[in-house]
Protein backbone atom coordinates (compact mmCIF):
# COMPACT_ATOMS: atom_id res chain seq x y z
CA UNK A 1 0.00 -0.01 0.00
CA UNK A 2 1.12 3.58 -0.62
CA UNK A 3 0.23 6.71 1.29
CA UNK A 4 1.02 10.00 -0.43
CA UNK A 5 1.58 13.15 1.60
CA UNK A 6 2.07 16.35 -0.37
CA UNK A 7 2.38 19.92 0.90
CA UNK A 8 -1.32 20.58 0.35
CA UNK A 9 -2.22 17.49 2.42
CA UNK A 10 -0.47 18.47 5.64
CA UNK A 11 -3.53 19.96 7.34
CA UNK A 12 -5.71 17.00 6.38
CA UNK A 13 -3.13 14.41 7.46
CA UNK A 14 -1.87 16.23 10.55
CA UNK A 15 -3.12 13.52 12.96
CA UNK A 16 -1.26 10.83 11.10
CA UNK A 17 1.96 12.61 10.24
CA UNK A 18 2.46 15.86 12.19
CA UNK A 19 5.37 18.15 11.38
CA UNK A 20 7.76 19.25 14.14
CA UNK A 21 7.26 22.92 14.93
CA UNK A 22 8.44 25.38 17.53
CA UNK A 23 6.30 27.16 20.11
CA UNK A 24 5.47 30.80 19.49
CA UNK A 25 5.44 31.56 23.22
CA UNK A 26 7.87 31.16 26.09
CA UNK A 27 6.01 28.32 27.82
CA UNK A 28 6.50 24.65 27.18
CA UNK A 29 3.69 23.21 25.05
CA UNK A 30 2.61 19.55 24.88
CA UNK A 31 0.45 17.86 22.26
CA UNK A 32 -0.59 14.24 21.83
CA UNK A 33 -2.15 12.77 18.69
CA UNK A 34 -3.18 9.21 17.83
CA UNK A 35 -4.98 7.53 14.99
CA UNK A 36 -6.08 4.06 13.97
CA UNK A 37 -7.21 3.26 10.42
CA UNK A 38 -6.90 0.61 7.73
CA UNK A 39 -3.20 1.37 7.30
CA UNK A 40 -2.29 0.82 10.94
CA UNK A 41 -1.92 2.69 14.22
CA UNK A 42 0.17 5.73 15.00
CA UNK A 43 0.65 8.01 17.99
CA UNK A 44 2.77 11.12 18.41
CA UNK A 45 3.69 13.10 21.53
CA UNK A 46 5.37 16.47 21.09
CA UNK A 47 7.07 18.86 23.51
CA UNK A 48 7.64 22.33 22.10
CA UNK A 49 9.49 25.42 23.13
CA UNK A 50 10.57 28.43 21.06
CA UNK A 51 13.92 26.80 20.25
CA UNK A 52 13.36 23.00 20.21
CA UNK A 53 10.67 20.42 19.53
CA UNK A 54 10.86 16.84 20.79
CA UNK A 55 8.67 14.38 18.90
CA UNK A 56 8.08 10.80 20.14
CA UNK A 57 6.39 8.72 17.41
CA UNK A 58 5.13 5.13 17.47
CA UNK A 59 3.88 3.46 14.29
CA UNK A 60 2.66 -0.02 13.44
CA UNK A 61 1.36 -0.80 9.94
CA UNK A 62 -1.09 -3.53 9.02
CA UNK A 63 0.91 -4.32 5.88
CA UNK A 64 4.19 -3.34 4.32
CA UNK A 65 3.65 0.42 4.06
CA UNK A 66 5.46 2.88 1.81
CA UNK A 67 4.98 6.53 2.74
CA UNK A 68 5.84 9.34 0.34
CA UNK A 69 6.52 12.74 1.88
CA UNK A 70 7.56 16.10 0.57
CA UNK A 71 8.42 19.24 2.51
CA UNK A 72 9.93 22.53 1.44
CA UNK A 73 11.76 25.23 3.35
CA UNK A 74 12.58 23.04 6.35
CA UNK A 75 14.13 25.22 8.98
CA UNK A 76 16.51 23.84 11.56
CA UNK A 77 18.62 20.86 12.62
CA UNK A 78 17.26 17.44 13.55
CA UNK A 79 18.69 14.78 15.85
CA UNK A 80 16.92 11.52 14.96
CA UNK A 81 17.08 8.14 16.67
CA UNK A 82 15.13 4.90 16.41
CA UNK A 83 14.24 3.28 19.75
CA UNK A 84 12.40 0.24 18.38
CA UNK A 85 12.09 -1.50 15.04
CA UNK A 86 13.50 0.00 11.87
CA UNK A 87 12.53 2.26 8.98
CA UNK A 88 14.05 2.37 5.52
CA UNK A 89 14.22 5.72 3.71
CA UNK A 90 15.26 6.78 0.25
CA UNK A 91 14.83 9.90 -1.85
CA UNK A 92 16.46 13.08 -3.11
CA UNK A 93 17.91 14.06 0.23
CA UNK A 94 19.76 10.75 0.61
CA UNK A 95 23.07 10.22 -1.16
CA UNK A 96 22.84 6.44 -1.06
CA UNK A 97 20.02 4.52 -2.72
CA UNK A 98 18.65 3.33 0.63
CA UNK A 99 19.08 4.56 4.17
CA UNK A 100 18.23 2.03 6.90
CA UNK A 101 17.53 3.40 10.38
CA UNK A 102 17.99 0.58 12.92
CA UNK A 103 17.03 0.48 16.58
CA UNK A 104 19.56 2.23 18.77
CA UNK A 105 21.10 4.30 15.93
CA UNK A 106 21.03 8.07 15.47
CA UNK A 107 22.35 11.00 13.46
CA UNK A 108 22.28 14.78 13.42
CA UNK A 109 21.28 16.21 10.04
CA UNK A 110 19.75 19.10 8.20
CA UNK A 111 18.23 19.67 4.76
CA UNK A 112 16.20 22.58 3.40
CA UNK A 113 13.97 20.40 1.19
CA UNK A 114 12.92 16.78 1.59
CA UNK A 115 11.30 14.43 -0.85
CA UNK A 116 11.35 10.67 -0.55
CA UNK A 117 9.88 7.48 0.86
CA UNK A 118 9.81 5.86 4.29
CA UNK A 119 9.10 2.12 4.41
CA UNK A 120 7.60 0.31 7.42
CA UNK A 121 7.43 -3.46 7.65
CA UNK A 122 4.15 -5.27 8.31
CA UNK A 123 3.26 -5.64 12.00
CA UNK A 124 6.68 -4.36 13.12
CA UNK A 125 6.30 -1.55 15.68
CA UNK A 126 8.62 1.39 15.06
CA UNK A 127 9.35 4.09 17.63
CA UNK A 128 11.42 7.15 16.77
CA UNK A 129 12.54 10.24 18.64
CA UNK A 130 13.21 13.45 16.72
CA UNK A 131 14.71 16.48 18.40
CA UNK A 132 14.27 19.51 16.10
CA UNK A 133 16.57 22.42 16.95
CA UNK A 134 16.03 25.97 15.72
CA UNK A 135 18.83 27.74 13.81
CA UNK A 136 19.05 30.37 16.59
CA UNK A 137 19.46 27.63 19.21
CA UNK A 138 22.16 25.86 17.18
CA UNK A 139 23.93 29.18 16.66
CA UNK A 140 24.00 29.64 20.43
CA UNK A 141 25.31 26.11 21.00
CA UNK A 142 27.98 26.60 18.29
CA UNK A 143 29.05 29.79 20.08
CA UNK A 144 29.62 27.74 23.24
CA UNK A 145 31.22 24.73 21.46
CA UNK A 146 32.75 26.00 18.19
CA UNK A 147 34.96 22.98 17.63
CA UNK A 148 31.96 20.66 17.59
CA UNK A 149 29.32 22.66 15.76
CA UNK A 150 30.86 25.59 13.85
CA UNK A 151 31.34 23.54 10.68
CA UNK A 152 27.76 22.27 10.77
CA UNK A 153 26.38 25.75 11.30
CA UNK A 154 28.49 27.02 8.40
CA UNK A 155 27.05 24.34 6.07
CA UNK A 156 23.54 25.20 7.18
CA UNK A 157 24.06 28.93 6.55
CA UNK A 158 25.25 28.06 3.01
CA UNK A 159 22.07 26.13 2.40
CA UNK A 160 23.80 22.77 2.21
CA UNK A 161 22.22 19.48 3.28
CA UNK A 162 24.43 17.40 5.55
CA UNK A 163 24.77 14.66 8.15
CA UNK A 164 27.12 14.80 11.10
CA UNK A 165 28.19 11.20 10.36
CA UNK A 166 28.14 9.56 6.94
CA UNK A 167 26.53 6.49 8.55
CA UNK A 168 24.07 6.46 11.43
CA UNK A 169 25.84 5.92 14.74
CA UNK A 170 24.95 3.46 17.49
CA UNK A 171 24.07 5.22 20.74
CA UNK A 172 26.23 4.23 23.69
CA UNK A 173 24.57 3.25 27.03
CA UNK A 174 25.29 6.64 28.61
CA UNK A 175 23.51 8.44 25.72
CA UNK A 176 20.62 5.98 25.96
CA UNK A 177 20.29 6.79 29.66
CA UNK A 178 20.26 10.54 28.95
CA UNK A 179 17.61 10.00 26.27
CA UNK A 180 15.41 8.05 28.70
CA UNK A 181 15.91 10.75 31.33
CA UNK A 182 14.81 13.36 28.83
CA UNK A 183 11.58 11.48 28.07
CA UNK A 184 10.77 11.40 31.80
CA UNK A 185 10.96 15.20 32.04
CA UNK A 186 7.69 15.51 33.95
CA UNK A 187 9.29 14.42 37.20
CA UNK A 188 11.05 17.79 37.34
CA UNK A 189 7.80 19.79 37.51
CA UNK A 190 8.06 23.50 36.74
CA UNK A 191 11.76 23.25 35.92
CA UNK A 192 11.03 20.93 32.97
CA UNK A 193 12.08 23.42 30.20
CA UNK A 194 15.47 23.97 31.87
CA UNK A 195 15.88 20.24 32.42
CA UNK A 196 15.06 19.43 28.79
CA UNK A 197 17.51 22.10 27.68
CA UNK A 198 20.27 20.47 29.74
CA UNK A 199 19.42 16.97 28.54
CA UNK A 200 19.48 18.01 24.86
CA UNK A 201 22.95 19.49 25.37
CA UNK A 202 24.05 16.31 27.16
CA UNK A 203 22.75 14.08 24.36
CA UNK A 204 24.37 16.20 21.65
CA UNK A 205 27.70 16.37 23.46
CA UNK A 206 27.79 12.61 24.13
CA UNK A 207 26.85 11.85 20.54
CA UNK A 208 29.10 14.31 18.75
CA UNK A 209 32.21 13.74 20.86
CA UNK A 210 32.41 10.11 19.76
CA UNK A 211 34.93 9.54 17.00
CA UNK A 212 33.36 8.25 13.79
CA UNK A 213 36.08 5.60 13.60
CA UNK A 214 35.17 4.20 16.98
CA UNK A 215 32.07 2.35 17.97
CA UNK A 216 30.93 1.26 21.41
CA UNK A 217 33.09 -1.86 21.76
CA UNK A 218 30.70 -3.53 24.18
CA UNK A 219 27.68 -2.93 21.92
CA UNK A 220 29.45 -3.83 18.69
CA UNK A 221 29.58 -7.52 19.64
CA UNK A 222 25.79 -7.71 19.11
CA UNK A 223 24.10 -7.79 15.73
CA UNK A 224 21.40 -5.36 14.62
CA UNK A 225 18.85 -8.17 15.15
CA UNK A 226 20.09 -8.66 18.74
CA UNK A 227 19.87 -4.94 19.49
CA UNK A 228 16.35 -4.82 18.13
CA UNK A 229 15.53 -7.72 20.43
CA UNK A 230 16.82 -5.84 23.48
CA UNK A 231 14.79 -2.78 22.52
CA UNK A 232 11.75 -5.05 22.16
CA UNK A 233 12.35 -6.33 25.71
CA UNK A 234 12.51 -2.73 26.92
CA UNK A 235 9.23 -1.95 25.18
CA UNK A 236 7.54 -4.99 26.74
CA UNK A 237 8.67 -3.87 30.20
CA UNK A 238 7.06 -0.47 29.59
CA UNK A 239 3.84 -2.10 28.38
CA UNK A 240 3.59 -4.67 31.19
CA UNK A 241 5.10 -2.73 34.10
CA UNK A 242 2.16 -3.50 36.43
CA UNK A 243 2.53 -7.26 36.02
CA UNK A 244 5.98 -7.73 34.46
CA UNK A 245 7.05 -11.10 33.14
CA UNK A 246 9.84 -13.02 34.79
CA UNK A 247 13.28 -12.88 33.21
CA UNK A 248 12.78 -16.37 31.81
CA UNK A 249 9.42 -15.45 30.25
CA UNK A 250 10.72 -12.12 28.92
CA UNK A 251 13.69 -13.85 27.30
CA UNK A 252 11.34 -16.41 25.72
CA UNK A 253 9.02 -13.66 24.48
CA UNK A 254 11.82 -11.87 22.62
CA UNK A 255 13.49 -15.06 21.41
CA UNK A 256 16.69 -15.38 23.44
CA UNK A 257 18.04 -16.87 26.66
CA UNK A 258 18.20 -15.23 30.09
CA UNK A 259 21.98 -14.85 30.15
CA UNK A 260 22.12 -13.05 26.79
CA UNK A 261 19.15 -10.83 27.70
CA UNK A 262 20.70 -9.78 31.02
CA UNK A 263 24.12 -8.99 29.51
CA UNK A 264 22.85 -7.29 26.38
CA UNK A 265 20.27 -5.19 28.21
CA UNK A 266 22.84 -3.94 30.72
CA UNK A 267 25.35 -3.06 27.99
CA UNK A 268 22.81 -1.28 25.79
CA UNK A 269 20.85 0.63 28.47
CA UNK A 270 23.35 0.90 31.30
CA UNK A 271 21.07 -0.79 33.82
CA UNK A 272 19.58 -4.22 34.57
CA UNK A 273 16.14 -5.32 33.37
CA UNK A 274 14.66 -4.91 36.86
CA UNK A 275 16.60 -1.70 37.42
CA UNK A 276 14.93 -0.28 34.31
CA UNK A 277 11.52 -1.57 35.50
CA UNK A 278 12.02 0.10 38.90
CA UNK A 279 13.08 3.42 37.34
CA UNK A 280 10.14 3.33 34.96
CA UNK A 281 7.68 2.68 37.79
CA UNK A 282 9.17 5.43 39.99
CA UNK A 283 9.04 7.98 37.16
CA UNK A 284 5.37 7.13 36.61
CA UNK A 285 4.74 7.41 40.34
CA UNK A 286 6.31 10.86 40.46
CA UNK A 287 4.00 11.98 37.65
CA UNK A 288 0.95 10.70 39.51
CA UNK A 289 2.10 12.50 42.68
CA UNK A 290 2.39 15.80 40.77
CA UNK A 291 -0.55 15.56 38.36
CA UNK A 292 -3.25 13.74 40.36
CA UNK A 293 -4.78 13.65 43.82
CA UNK A 294 -4.48 9.87 44.13
CA UNK A 295 -3.51 8.60 47.56
CA UNK A 296 -0.13 6.99 48.06
CA UNK A 297 -1.78 3.57 48.30
CA UNK A 298 -3.70 4.17 45.07
CA UNK A 299 -0.50 5.15 43.25
CA UNK A 300 1.29 2.10 44.63
CA UNK A 301 -1.56 -0.10 43.32
CA UNK A 302 -1.58 1.71 39.94
CA UNK A 303 2.09 1.07 39.20
CA UNK A 304 2.05 -2.55 40.41
CA UNK A 305 3.09 -2.57 44.08
CA UNK A 306 1.01 -4.81 46.32
CA UNK A 307 2.31 -3.29 49.54
CA UNK A 308 2.37 0.41 50.31
CA UNK A 309 5.57 0.05 52.39
CA UNK A 310 7.47 -1.57 49.53
CA UNK A 311 6.52 1.30 47.21
CA UNK A 312 7.61 3.91 49.75
CA UNK A 313 10.97 2.19 50.27
CA UNK A 314 11.64 2.00 46.50
CA UNK A 315 10.59 5.64 46.01
CA UNK A 316 12.91 6.89 48.79
CA UNK A 317 15.77 4.85 47.29
CA UNK A 318 15.41 6.79 44.03
CA UNK A 319 14.34 10.28 45.15
CA UNK A 320 15.70 10.32 48.75
CA UNK A 321 12.35 11.48 50.16
CA UNK A 322 9.04 9.73 50.85
CA UNK A 323 6.25 9.98 48.23
CA UNK A 324 4.26 12.38 50.44
CA UNK A 325 7.30 14.57 51.09
CA UNK A 326 8.00 14.63 47.34
CA UNK A 327 4.43 15.73 46.60
CA UNK A 328 4.52 18.46 49.23
CA UNK A 329 7.91 19.82 48.16
CA UNK A 330 7.21 19.82 44.41
CA UNK A 331 3.77 21.38 44.73
CA UNK A 332 5.15 24.18 46.88
């Protein structure tokens, strides 16, 4: 099947394929869109400020889907990474015939005009994170770190299309952790814009400071299929955090053994399977404490803790205060 998206279609197709944009005001803006039709299911969450836009997209097609897109006068820089699955792209803005974006890989790029295809495999979930950076923001960053970004800014000002690396780069565990922290920005409350700003700089610095000739030696021993398997395990933890499967069952679900899952997960994400589950639950709990009036017991039940005391102990281990103290301090 083929879906065509032309300039004139953007307003009509906005729910399916929104375009990253920047906020016109000073405040942080959040939007969430989702759709389900004969082509598949898609959801997009966006966080916008006047100088960056973070887009978290999840797509699953009912059949092999080929999406044509065209955009003119694109304005800014884009850091793109795939968290799950893969997407194949080809078109005028790509020097090679085909550009495969695999789970765990990323690049920083810019082009003024884009025209090409994105291909999604049947029943293969794909999750991508795009961080769009305004030219003014990149100019500011280049002023702080000229050795890293001056050459990219110069290419942009000349109207050139470019990629920071000729091939997409595998994210190291430290960068993955920073990326996950960024997506859990709500735990910071009113300081979220400043926190996101710092995390974007951290991600860019970790990514750009890696030599193109070097790869993460620990990660490079795993194939692209293995890495996709570890990302699938991570996704399953997020989907089943209330009643998580055992390590044995999780390994069976993703098609590997327990030993390989434990080692690969720790190398790729910088934490254990249950460490990631605990962090995910605690970040959700902090959001409930800030955004709802649920009791501590209700929050414990919601995120999968049978005993209130166990939840309180785990929360204090992560945030160094009790859930009630956290709620009081953050709301003040």
